[in-house]
Structure formats: structure tokens, C-alpha cells
Amino acid sequence: MEQAGYTPVAHFVLPENCWTENFFRPMRKHAEAFLQRHGYSQAARDFATRELDEANIYQEYKSYYGYVFYIGIKN
């Protein structure tokens, strides 16, 4: 952040259930509708595949890593 010209002022970690219940579950549920809306384009399929891969990786390795959000102000 600092190298990009920001000063960190806070950070927070969302609990596991925020990811599993409020992000990955709905994302999986709506993946097919997303693909339909975008005509099954290659870009849409690539995006959906990456998102579903991330959900699977998180499910398998969530005890080893998590996501941290940083809040910063521009210098």
C-alpha cells in the first residue's frame, strides 16, 4: 500500500462464514444464470471457472489462510 502511495489506517478480517455463506454459496448458486446472461462467452466462462476454483480452494484450505481487508488514505 505504501509503495502505491497510501498510508494504512486500519485492517480487518471477515469470519469464515461471511465467505462460505454470504459469498461463495450465492456465487455458486448464480453461476449458471451469469453464464446464460453473458451468452456463455469465453470471457464469462473463464471468469466463472476462476471464481468456482477460488471457492473450492478456500473450502479445502480455509484453516490455513484467510482474506484481510486494508483501509488506507492516499498520501
N, C-alpha and C. Protein backbone atom coordinates (compact mmCIF):
# COMPACT_ATOMS: atom_id res chain seq x y z
N MET A 1 0.82 -1.18 0.00
CA MET A 1 0.00 0.00 0.00
C MET A 1 0.87 1.25 0.00
N GLU A 2 1.86 1.23 0.85
CA GLU A 2 2.70 2.41 0.98
C GLU A 2 3.45 2.69 -0.31
N GLN A 3 3.93 1.64 -0.97
CA GLN A 3 4.63 1.83 -2.24
C GLN A 3 3.70 2.40 -3.32
N ALA A 4 2.42 2.16 -3.17
CA ALA A 4 1.43 2.68 -4.12
C ALA A 4 0.94 4.07 -3.74
N GLY A 5 1.48 4.64 -2.65
CA GLY A 5 1.12 5.99 -2.26
C GLY A 5 -0.01 6.11 -1.26
N TYR A 6 -0.25 5.03 -0.48
CA TYR A 6 -1.30 5.05 0.52
C TYR A 6 -0.71 4.79 1.90
N THR A 7 -1.34 5.37 2.91
CA THR A 7 -0.97 5.11 4.28
C THR A 7 -2.02 4.20 4.90
N PRO A 8 -1.62 3.03 5.41
CA PRO A 8 -2.60 2.14 6.03
C PRO A 8 -3.16 2.77 7.31
N VAL A 9 -4.47 2.69 7.46
CA VAL A 9 -5.08 3.23 8.68
C VAL A 9 -5.85 2.17 9.47
N ALA A 10 -6.21 1.08 8.82
CA ALA A 10 -6.93 0.00 9.52
C ALA A 10 -6.91 -1.25 8.66
N HIS A 11 -7.25 -2.36 9.30
CA HIS A 11 -7.43 -3.61 8.57
C HIS A 11 -8.42 -4.47 9.35
N PHE A 12 -9.05 -5.41 8.66
CA PHE A 12 -9.97 -6.31 9.33
C PHE A 12 -10.06 -7.62 8.56
N VAL A 13 -10.42 -8.66 9.28
CA VAL A 13 -10.58 -9.99 8.71
C VAL A 13 -12.05 -10.37 8.85
N LEU A 14 -12.65 -10.82 7.77
CA LEU A 14 -14.02 -11.31 7.85
C LEU A 14 -14.01 -12.75 8.32
N PRO A 15 -14.97 -13.13 9.15
CA PRO A 15 -15.03 -14.52 9.61
C PRO A 15 -15.35 -15.48 8.46
N GLU A 16 -15.00 -16.72 8.66
CA GLU A 16 -15.18 -17.76 7.64
C GLU A 16 -16.60 -17.80 7.09
N ASN A 17 -17.60 -17.71 7.95
CA ASN A 17 -18.97 -17.83 7.47
C ASN A 17 -19.37 -16.70 6.52
N CYS A 18 -18.73 -15.56 6.61
CA CYS A 18 -19.02 -14.49 5.65
C CYS A 18 -18.66 -14.93 4.24
N TRP A 19 -17.57 -15.67 4.13
CA TRP A 19 -17.15 -16.15 2.81
C TRP A 19 -17.99 -17.35 2.37
N THR A 20 -18.15 -18.32 3.25
CA THR A 20 -18.83 -19.54 2.85
C THR A 20 -20.32 -19.33 2.62
N GLU A 21 -20.98 -18.59 3.50
CA GLU A 21 -22.43 -18.43 3.42
C GLU A 21 -22.88 -17.23 2.59
N ASN A 22 -22.11 -16.15 2.63
CA ASN A 22 -22.56 -14.91 2.01
C ASN A 22 -21.86 -14.57 0.70
N PHE A 23 -20.83 -15.29 0.36
CA PHE A 23 -20.15 -15.02 -0.91
C PHE A 23 -20.10 -16.26 -1.80
N PHE A 24 -19.43 -17.31 -1.33
CA PHE A 24 -19.25 -18.48 -2.19
C PHE A 24 -20.55 -19.23 -2.47
N ARG A 25 -21.42 -19.40 -1.48
CA ARG A 25 -22.68 -20.13 -1.71
C ARG A 25 -23.55 -19.42 -2.75
N PRO A 26 -23.81 -18.11 -2.59
CA PRO A 26 -24.61 -17.43 -3.62
C PRO A 26 -23.93 -17.41 -4.99
N MET A 27 -22.59 -17.29 -4.98
CA MET A 27 -21.88 -17.27 -6.24
C MET A 27 -22.07 -18.58 -6.99
N ARG A 28 -21.97 -19.69 -6.27
CA ARG A 28 -22.20 -20.99 -6.90
C ARG A 28 -23.64 -21.10 -7.42
N LYS A 29 -24.57 -20.62 -6.61
CA LYS A 29 -25.99 -20.72 -6.97
C LYS A 29 -26.31 -19.94 -8.25
N HIS A 30 -25.64 -18.83 -8.46
CA HIS A 30 -25.97 -17.95 -9.59
C HIS A 30 -25.00 -18.07 -10.77
N ALA A 31 -24.07 -18.99 -10.70
CA ALA A 31 -23.07 -19.12 -11.77
C ALA A 31 -23.72 -19.42 -13.12
N GLU A 32 -24.67 -20.33 -13.15
CA GLU A 32 -25.31 -20.69 -14.42
C GLU A 32 -26.07 -19.52 -15.01
N ALA A 33 -26.79 -18.77 -14.17
CA ALA A 33 -27.54 -17.61 -14.66
C ALA A 33 -26.57 -16.55 -15.20
N PHE A 34 -25.44 -16.38 -14.55
CA PHE A 34 -24.42 -15.45 -15.02
C PHE A 34 -23.94 -15.86 -16.43
N LEU A 35 -23.66 -17.13 -16.59
CA LEU A 35 -23.20 -17.62 -17.90
C LEU A 35 -24.27 -17.41 -18.97
N GLN A 36 -25.51 -17.70 -18.64
CA GLN A 36 -26.60 -17.50 -19.60
C GLN A 36 -26.71 -16.04 -20.01
N ARG A 37 -26.65 -15.13 -19.00
CA ARG A 37 -26.75 -13.70 -19.28
C ARG A 37 -25.66 -13.22 -20.23
N HIS A 38 -24.51 -13.86 -20.17
CA HIS A 38 -23.38 -13.44 -20.99
C HIS A 38 -23.15 -14.36 -22.19
N GLY A 39 -24.19 -15.10 -22.54
CA GLY A 39 -24.16 -15.91 -23.74
C GLY A 39 -23.06 -16.97 -23.75
N TYR A 40 -22.69 -17.43 -22.57
CA TYR A 40 -21.64 -18.45 -22.45
C TYR A 40 -20.36 -18.04 -23.18
N SER A 41 -20.10 -16.74 -23.18
CA SER A 41 -18.88 -16.26 -23.84
C SER A 41 -17.65 -16.85 -23.15
N GLN A 42 -16.55 -16.88 -23.87
CA GLN A 42 -15.32 -17.42 -23.30
C GLN A 42 -14.90 -16.62 -22.07
N ALA A 43 -15.03 -15.30 -22.14
CA ALA A 43 -14.65 -14.47 -21.00
C ALA A 43 -15.50 -14.80 -19.77
N ALA A 44 -16.81 -14.99 -19.98
CA ALA A 44 -17.70 -15.33 -18.87
C ALA A 44 -17.36 -16.70 -18.30
N ARG A 45 -17.09 -17.65 -19.17
CA ARG A 45 -16.73 -19.00 -18.70
C ARG A 45 -15.41 -18.98 -17.94
N ASP A 46 -14.44 -18.22 -18.44
CA ASP A 46 -13.15 -18.12 -17.74
C ASP A 46 -13.34 -17.50 -16.36
N PHE A 47 -14.14 -16.43 -16.29
CA PHE A 47 -14.39 -15.76 -15.02
C PHE A 47 -15.08 -16.70 -14.04
N ALA A 48 -16.13 -17.36 -14.48
CA ALA A 48 -16.88 -18.27 -13.61
C ALA A 48 -15.99 -19.42 -13.13
N THR A 49 -15.17 -19.94 -14.01
CA THR A 49 -14.26 -21.02 -13.63
C THR A 49 -13.29 -20.57 -12.55
N ARG A 50 -12.73 -19.38 -12.72
CA ARG A 50 -11.79 -18.87 -11.69
C ARG A 50 -12.49 -18.67 -10.36
N GLU A 51 -13.70 -18.13 -10.40
CA GLU A 51 -14.44 -17.90 -9.16
C GLU A 51 -14.77 -19.23 -8.46
N LEU A 52 -15.23 -20.21 -9.22
CA LEU A 52 -15.55 -21.51 -8.64
C LEU A 52 -14.30 -22.21 -8.13
N ASP A 53 -13.19 -22.05 -8.85
CA ASP A 53 -11.92 -22.61 -8.37
C ASP A 53 -11.52 -21.99 -7.04
N GLU A 54 -11.67 -20.67 -6.92
CA GLU A 54 -11.33 -20.00 -5.67
C GLU A 54 -12.20 -20.51 -4.52
N ALA A 55 -13.47 -20.70 -4.77
CA ALA A 55 -14.37 -21.23 -3.74
C ALA A 55 -13.94 -22.61 -3.30
N ASN A 56 -13.56 -23.46 -4.24
CA ASN A 56 -13.11 -24.81 -3.90
C ASN A 56 -11.79 -24.79 -3.13
N ILE A 57 -10.88 -23.94 -3.55
CA ILE A 57 -9.59 -23.82 -2.84
C ILE A 57 -9.81 -23.32 -1.42
N TYR A 58 -10.67 -22.30 -1.29
CA TYR A 58 -10.96 -21.78 0.05
C TYR A 58 -11.56 -22.89 0.92
N GLN A 59 -12.50 -23.63 0.40
CA GLN A 59 -13.13 -24.70 1.18
C GLN A 59 -12.10 -25.71 1.66
N GLU A 60 -11.16 -26.05 0.80
CA GLU A 60 -10.16 -27.05 1.16
C GLU A 60 -9.09 -26.52 2.12
N TYR A 61 -8.70 -25.26 1.97
CA TYR A 61 -7.55 -24.74 2.72
C TYR A 61 -7.88 -23.61 3.68
N LYS A 62 -9.16 -23.40 3.98
CA LYS A 62 -9.56 -22.25 4.80
C LYS A 62 -8.95 -22.24 6.20
N SER A 63 -8.52 -23.38 6.68
CA SER A 63 -7.88 -23.39 8.01
C SER A 63 -6.45 -22.88 7.94
N TYR A 64 -5.92 -22.67 6.74
CA TYR A 64 -4.54 -22.23 6.58
C TYR A 64 -4.40 -20.78 6.12
N TYR A 65 -5.48 -20.19 5.61
CA TYR A 65 -5.38 -18.80 5.16
C TYR A 65 -6.74 -18.14 5.21
N GLY A 66 -6.75 -16.84 5.05
CA GLY A 66 -7.98 -16.07 5.01
C GLY A 66 -7.75 -14.81 4.21
N TYR A 67 -8.72 -13.92 4.22
CA TYR A 67 -8.64 -12.67 3.48
C TYR A 67 -8.59 -11.53 4.48
N VAL A 68 -7.71 -10.58 4.23
CA VAL A 68 -7.60 -9.38 5.07
C VAL A 68 -7.91 -8.18 4.19
N PHE A 69 -8.71 -7.27 4.70
CA PHE A 69 -9.01 -6.04 4.00
C PHE A 69 -8.27 -4.90 4.66
N TYR A 70 -7.65 -4.08 3.86
CA TYR A 70 -6.90 -2.94 4.36
C TYR A 70 -7.58 -1.66 3.94
N ILE A 71 -7.60 -0.70 4.83
CA ILE A 71 -8.15 0.63 4.55
C ILE A 71 -6.98 1.60 4.61
N GLY A 72 -6.87 2.42 3.59
CA GLY A 72 -5.77 3.37 3.55
C GLY A 72 -6.23 4.71 3.02
N ILE A 73 -5.39 5.71 3.25
CA ILE A 73 -5.66 7.04 2.71
C ILE A 73 -4.55 7.39 1.73
N LYS A 74 -4.92 8.06 0.66
CA LYS A 74 -3.94 8.46 -0.35
C LYS A 74 -3.07 9.56 0.22
N ASN A 75 -1.77 9.41 0.05
CA ASN A 75 -0.82 10.42 0.54
C ASN A 75 -0.89 11.68 -0.32
